[in-house]
Amino acid sequence: MKINSGYSSGGSGGDIFIDVGVGTSGQGGSVSIASGKSTQGFGGTVVIETGEGSFGSGEFFVGTSSSPLQSGIVSILSGASETDNSGSVTLVSGESQIGKAGDIKLAVGSSMIGGSLVLTAGTSFDHGHGGVLVMSAGNSFAGGEISLAAGDSDRVEGGGVLLSGGMSSISSSGALTIQSTVGGKLGGSGFLKLATGSSGENSGSGFVGLLSGDAESGQAGKLSLKVGRGFSGSGGIVELLAGTTAVEGGSVFLNAGSSLEFQTEGGSIDIKEETKPKVVQL
């Protein structure tokens, strides 16, 4: 079955309206568009696309109507499968040969209490792995950047950013790794910086803490600051510098751990210089 509107050589083409009647006491009527089923092959395809134009293609809108109470829900999902993989959902903007490719924007509307934006990978039913959540910037002459920023506030503290590995009820929790990638032939690896922002006029800047977690029955985790190995030149440097002020410079404290037991010694601090290996001549 084919439904066409009229052709126009000097104006706009004809419109097609599909409208359901108004209900005065119950739910309004529904509009259902479904492709055909197949007993031997794949089901039919539903294609909805805007028209091509000399200045640009038409816009495409999918949305629910506004309401004085709760507005409707928009759901885009693939069908379930009993014996094979379920279908994928793909949101892709078109390519551009000369200009910039279109953006994809996922945004939550404004309200008295801000709504959440949740990206969740799939859960595995049995003993498999959960789905992977991948966020990657585009490749180019200069690679794209990834920016994660919490919300600003003009009255109280700004929002925080939490990156954590997954919890396990039996084994170890998941690891959290933040690292720059391998450098090219003519450059070094990327720079890794942990820093707080500058403060206002009447307050101090933020605190940087590197802490391992507590252990209930075993040894607490180790905290290691180590410079990578080099194959030529001098070894890398580890610097511990206290802050500089106009009044009094900051201090550097090295404290070994104390013991909770009354008659047990606390930890020690060992500072040693690495010596060159001796060469034995035969």
Foldseek 3Di string as FASTA:
>chain_A
DDDDFADDDPDDTDDDDDDFDDDDPDDTDDDDDDFADDPPDHTDDDDDAFDADPVGTDDDDDDFDDDPPDTDDDDDDWDDDDPDDTDDDDDDFDDDPPDDTDDDDDDFDDDPDTDDDDDDFADDDDPDDTGDDDDAFDDDPDTDDDDDDFADDPPDDTDDDDDDFADDPPDHTDDDDDDFDADDPPDGTDDDDDDWDQDDDPDHTDDDDDDFDDDDPDDTDDDDDDFDDDDDDDGDDDDDAFADDPPDTDDDDDDFAQDPDPPDGTDDDDDDDDDDDDDDDD
